[in-house]
Amino acid sequence: MAKTLTGVVTSDVADKTITVTVTSRETHPIYGKQYTVNRKYAAHDENNSAKIGDKVTISETRPFSKTKTFKLDSITEKSRGSIELKDVEVEA
């Protein structure tokens, strides 16, 4: 069975490729303390449909390239847009 992961798209600059950051919580084997781990995966996006901030599901597949071994399964949640700050000119 292929591995399936859920994460957030952090880059969509390359053609047919997205970078997905998967956040997970792990427990230290000796001390028992929990901590967060962020891992980045390159995934194949055939239609360039995923954008930055989208929550997506990716699954393991045959290698598309040296670093791409995942493909985009579905877009779980679209991003709500980004916040842009206006340039305000200050007269001195």
N, C-alpha and C. Protein backbone atom coordinates (compact mmCIF):
# COMPACT_ATOMS: atom_id res chain seq x y z
N MET A 1 0.84 -1.19 0.00
CA MET A 1 0.00 0.00 0.00
C MET A 1 0.88 1.25 0.00
N ALA A 2 0.49 2.24 -0.78
CA ALA A 2 1.28 3.45 -0.91
C ALA A 2 1.07 4.39 0.29
N LYS A 3 2.11 5.10 0.65
CA LYS A 3 2.04 6.04 1.76
C LYS A 3 1.25 7.28 1.32
N THR A 4 0.34 7.74 2.17
CA THR A 4 -0.47 8.92 1.89
C THR A 4 -0.20 9.96 2.97
N LEU A 5 0.06 11.20 2.57
CA LEU A 5 0.36 12.28 3.50
C LEU A 5 -0.53 13.49 3.23
N THR A 6 -0.77 14.29 4.26
CA THR A 6 -1.54 15.52 4.14
C THR A 6 -0.68 16.67 4.62
N GLY A 7 -0.63 17.74 3.83
CA GLY A 7 0.19 18.89 4.20
C GLY A 7 -0.25 20.15 3.47
N VAL A 8 0.56 21.19 3.61
CA VAL A 8 0.27 22.50 3.03
C VAL A 8 1.29 22.81 1.94
N VAL A 9 0.80 23.35 0.82
CA VAL A 9 1.68 23.71 -0.29
C VAL A 9 2.47 24.96 0.09
N THR A 10 3.80 24.87 0.04
CA THR A 10 4.64 26.02 0.38
C THR A 10 5.31 26.63 -0.84
N SER A 11 5.30 25.93 -1.98
CA SER A 11 5.87 26.48 -3.20
C SER A 11 5.20 25.85 -4.41
N ASP A 12 4.88 26.70 -5.41
CA ASP A 12 4.32 26.20 -6.66
C ASP A 12 4.99 26.87 -7.86
N VAL A 13 6.24 27.28 -7.67
CA VAL A 13 6.97 28.03 -8.69
C VAL A 13 7.34 27.15 -9.89
N ALA A 14 7.80 25.93 -9.62
CA ALA A 14 8.25 25.05 -10.70
C ALA A 14 7.05 24.52 -11.48
N ASP A 15 7.27 24.18 -12.75
CA ASP A 15 6.22 23.67 -13.61
C ASP A 15 5.89 22.21 -13.25
N LYS A 16 4.61 21.94 -12.99
CA LYS A 16 4.10 20.60 -12.65
C LYS A 16 4.71 20.03 -11.37
N THR A 17 5.25 20.89 -10.51
CA THR A 17 5.83 20.44 -9.24
C THR A 17 5.38 21.37 -8.13
N ILE A 18 5.00 20.78 -6.99
CA ILE A 18 4.69 21.57 -5.80
C ILE A 18 5.53 21.06 -4.65
N THR A 19 5.84 21.95 -3.71
CA THR A 19 6.53 21.55 -2.49
C THR A 19 5.50 21.54 -1.37
N VAL A 20 5.37 20.40 -0.71
CA VAL A 20 4.37 20.23 0.35
C VAL A 20 5.09 20.05 1.67
N THR A 21 4.73 20.85 2.67
CA THR A 21 5.28 20.73 4.01
C THR A 21 4.29 19.95 4.87
N VAL A 22 4.78 18.83 5.41
CA VAL A 22 3.96 17.97 6.27
C VAL A 22 4.44 18.13 7.70
N THR A 23 3.54 18.53 8.59
CA THR A 23 3.86 18.74 10.00
C THR A 23 3.32 17.57 10.80
N SER A 24 4.19 17.00 11.65
CA SER A 24 3.75 15.90 12.51
C SER A 24 4.32 16.10 13.91
N ARG A 25 3.67 15.48 14.89
CA ARG A 25 4.15 15.54 16.27
C ARG A 25 4.74 14.19 16.62
N GLU A 26 5.95 14.21 17.17
CA GLU A 26 6.63 12.98 17.56
C GLU A 26 7.01 13.05 19.02
N THR A 27 7.20 11.90 19.61
CA THR A 27 7.58 11.81 21.01
C THR A 27 9.02 11.33 21.11
N HIS A 28 9.82 12.01 21.94
CA HIS A 28 11.22 11.64 22.11
C HIS A 28 11.29 10.26 22.76
N PRO A 29 12.13 9.36 22.23
CA PRO A 29 12.15 7.99 22.74
C PRO A 29 12.59 7.84 24.20
N ILE A 30 13.45 8.72 24.67
CA ILE A 30 13.95 8.60 26.03
C ILE A 30 13.22 9.54 26.99
N TYR A 31 13.09 10.81 26.61
CA TYR A 31 12.55 11.82 27.52
C TYR A 31 11.03 11.91 27.48
N GLY A 32 10.39 11.39 26.44
CA GLY A 32 8.94 11.39 26.38
C GLY A 32 8.31 12.71 26.01
N LYS A 33 9.12 13.70 25.72
CA LYS A 33 8.60 15.02 25.37
C LYS A 33 8.15 15.03 23.91
N GLN A 34 7.02 15.68 23.64
CA GLN A 34 6.54 15.79 22.27
C GLN A 34 7.10 17.04 21.61
N TYR A 35 7.37 16.93 20.31
CA TYR A 35 7.88 18.05 19.54
C TYR A 35 7.35 17.94 18.11
N THR A 36 7.34 19.08 17.39
CA THR A 36 6.82 19.08 16.02
C THR A 36 7.97 18.90 15.05
N VAL A 37 7.69 18.18 13.98
CA VAL A 37 8.67 17.93 12.93
C VAL A 37 8.05 18.36 11.61
N ASN A 38 8.76 19.20 10.85
CA ASN A 38 8.31 19.63 9.53
C ASN A 38 9.16 18.93 8.48
N ARG A 39 8.50 18.28 7.52
CA ARG A 39 9.22 17.62 6.43
C ARG A 39 8.68 18.15 5.12
N LYS A 40 9.57 18.37 4.15
CA LYS A 40 9.18 18.87 2.84
C LYS A 40 9.26 17.77 1.81
N TYR A 41 8.24 17.68 0.98
CA TYR A 41 8.20 16.70 -0.10
C TYR A 41 7.90 17.41 -1.41
N ALA A 42 8.58 16.99 -2.48
CA ALA A 42 8.27 17.48 -3.81
C ALA A 42 7.25 16.53 -4.41
N ALA A 43 6.16 17.07 -4.94
CA ALA A 43 5.09 16.24 -5.49
C ALA A 43 4.77 16.67 -6.90
N HIS A 44 4.33 15.72 -7.72
CA HIS A 44 3.98 15.98 -9.11
C HIS A 44 2.54 16.48 -9.20
N ASP A 45 2.36 17.65 -9.82
CA ASP A 45 1.04 18.26 -10.00
C ASP A 45 0.82 18.43 -11.50
N GLU A 46 0.17 17.48 -12.13
CA GLU A 46 0.05 17.43 -13.59
C GLU A 46 -0.60 18.67 -14.19
N ASN A 47 -1.65 19.19 -13.56
CA ASN A 47 -2.41 20.32 -14.12
C ASN A 47 -2.05 21.67 -13.52
N ASN A 48 -1.03 21.74 -12.68
CA ASN A 48 -0.66 22.97 -11.98
C ASN A 48 -1.88 23.57 -11.24
N SER A 49 -2.67 22.72 -10.60
CA SER A 49 -3.91 23.19 -9.97
C SER A 49 -3.72 23.67 -8.53
N ALA A 50 -2.72 23.17 -7.83
CA ALA A 50 -2.51 23.56 -6.42
C ALA A 50 -1.74 24.87 -6.33
N LYS A 51 -2.15 25.72 -5.41
CA LYS A 51 -1.50 27.01 -5.18
C LYS A 51 -0.96 27.08 -3.75
N ILE A 52 -0.14 28.08 -3.47
CA ILE A 52 0.45 28.24 -2.14
C ILE A 52 -0.65 28.40 -1.09
N GLY A 53 -0.53 27.66 0.00
CA GLY A 53 -1.48 27.74 1.09
C GLY A 53 -2.57 26.70 1.04
N ASP A 54 -2.70 25.98 -0.08
CA ASP A 54 -3.72 24.93 -0.19
C ASP A 54 -3.34 23.74 0.67
N LYS A 55 -4.34 23.13 1.29
CA LYS A 55 -4.14 21.89 2.04
C LYS A 55 -4.38 20.74 1.07
N VAL A 56 -3.38 19.86 0.89
CA VAL A 56 -3.45 18.82 -0.13
C VAL A 56 -3.13 17.45 0.44
N THR A 57 -3.54 16.43 -0.31
CA THR A 57 -3.21 15.05 0.00
C THR A 57 -2.32 14.53 -1.11
N ILE A 58 -1.16 13.94 -0.74
CA ILE A 58 -0.24 13.39 -1.73
C ILE A 58 -0.03 11.92 -1.42
N SER A 59 0.30 11.15 -2.46
CA SER A 59 0.55 9.73 -2.25
C SER A 59 1.82 9.31 -2.97
N GLU A 60 2.46 8.28 -2.42
CA GLU A 60 3.72 7.78 -2.95
C GLU A 60 3.46 7.05 -4.27
N THR A 61 4.38 7.22 -5.21
CA THR A 61 4.25 6.59 -6.52
C THR A 61 5.64 6.32 -7.08
N ARG A 62 5.70 5.89 -8.32
CA ARG A 62 7.00 5.67 -8.94
C ARG A 62 7.75 7.00 -9.04
N PRO A 63 9.08 7.00 -9.07
CA PRO A 63 9.82 8.25 -9.15
C PRO A 63 9.56 8.99 -10.46
N PHE A 64 9.21 10.28 -10.34
CA PHE A 64 9.08 11.13 -11.51
C PHE A 64 10.41 11.76 -11.86
N SER A 65 11.25 11.98 -10.85
CA SER A 65 12.58 12.55 -11.04
C SER A 65 13.43 12.14 -9.83
N LYS A 66 14.59 12.77 -9.70
CA LYS A 66 15.50 12.45 -8.59
C LYS A 66 14.85 12.70 -7.23
N THR A 67 14.06 13.77 -7.11
CA THR A 67 13.48 14.13 -5.81
C THR A 67 11.98 13.90 -5.72
N LYS A 68 11.29 13.76 -6.86
CA LYS A 68 9.83 13.63 -6.85
C LYS A 68 9.40 12.16 -6.85
N THR A 69 8.88 11.69 -5.70
CA THR A 69 8.34 10.34 -5.61
C THR A 69 6.91 10.36 -5.10
N PHE A 70 6.28 11.54 -5.07
CA PHE A 70 4.89 11.68 -4.66
C PHE A 70 4.11 12.36 -5.77
N LYS A 71 2.79 12.11 -5.80
CA LYS A 71 1.93 12.81 -6.75
C LYS A 71 0.74 13.39 -5.99
N LEU A 72 0.18 14.45 -6.53
CA LEU A 72 -0.97 15.12 -5.92
C LEU A 72 -2.21 14.25 -6.10
N ASP A 73 -2.86 13.91 -4.98
CA ASP A 73 -4.11 13.15 -5.04
C ASP A 73 -5.30 14.08 -5.13
N SER A 74 -5.41 14.98 -4.15
CA SER A 74 -6.56 15.89 -4.13
C SER A 74 -6.21 17.14 -3.33
N ILE A 75 -6.96 18.20 -3.62
CA ILE A 75 -6.85 19.44 -2.86
C ILE A 75 -7.96 19.41 -1.81
N THR A 76 -7.57 19.27 -0.55
CA THR A 76 -8.54 19.15 0.54
C THR A 76 -9.22 20.47 0.83
N GLU A 77 -8.41 21.55 0.87
CA GLU A 77 -8.94 22.86 1.23
C GLU A 77 -8.16 23.93 0.49
N LYS A 78 -8.87 24.83 -0.20
CA LYS A 78 -8.22 25.92 -0.92
C LYS A 78 -7.80 27.01 0.07
N SER A 79 -6.71 27.73 -0.28
CA SER A 79 -6.26 28.81 0.60
C SER A 79 -7.24 29.98 0.50
N ARG A 80 -7.30 30.78 1.54
CA ARG A 80 -8.24 31.88 1.58
C ARG A 80 -7.65 33.17 1.02
N GLY A 81 -6.47 33.09 0.41
CA GLY A 81 -5.84 34.29 -0.14
C GLY A 81 -4.77 34.81 0.77
N SER A 82 -3.94 35.68 0.23
CA SER A 82 -2.84 36.23 1.01
C SER A 82 -3.12 37.68 1.37
N ILE A 83 -2.40 38.14 2.36
CA ILE A 83 -2.55 39.52 2.81
C ILE A 83 -1.40 40.33 2.23
N GLU A 84 -1.75 41.40 1.51
CA GLU A 84 -0.72 42.26 0.95
C GLU A 84 -0.78 43.62 1.63
N LEU A 85 0.38 44.14 1.98
CA LEU A 85 0.44 45.45 2.61
C LEU A 85 0.61 46.51 1.53
N LYS A 86 -0.14 47.61 1.70
CA LYS A 86 -0.04 48.69 0.71
C LYS A 86 1.22 49.51 0.96
N ASP A 87 1.79 50.00 -0.13
CA ASP A 87 2.93 50.91 -0.01
C ASP A 87 2.39 52.31 0.25
N VAL A 88 2.76 52.86 1.38
CA VAL A 88 2.32 54.20 1.73
C VAL A 88 3.53 55.12 1.69
N GLU A 89 3.42 56.15 0.84
CA GLU A 89 4.55 57.09 0.73
C GLU A 89 4.42 58.13 1.84
N VAL A 90 5.52 58.33 2.53
CA VAL A 90 5.54 59.30 3.62
C VAL A 90 6.28 60.54 3.12
N GLU A 91 5.59 61.69 3.19
CA GLU A 91 6.23 62.95 2.76
C GLU A 91 6.96 63.55 3.95
N ALA A 92 8.21 63.90 3.70
CA ALA A 92 9.00 64.47 4.78
C ALA A 92 9.15 65.97 4.66
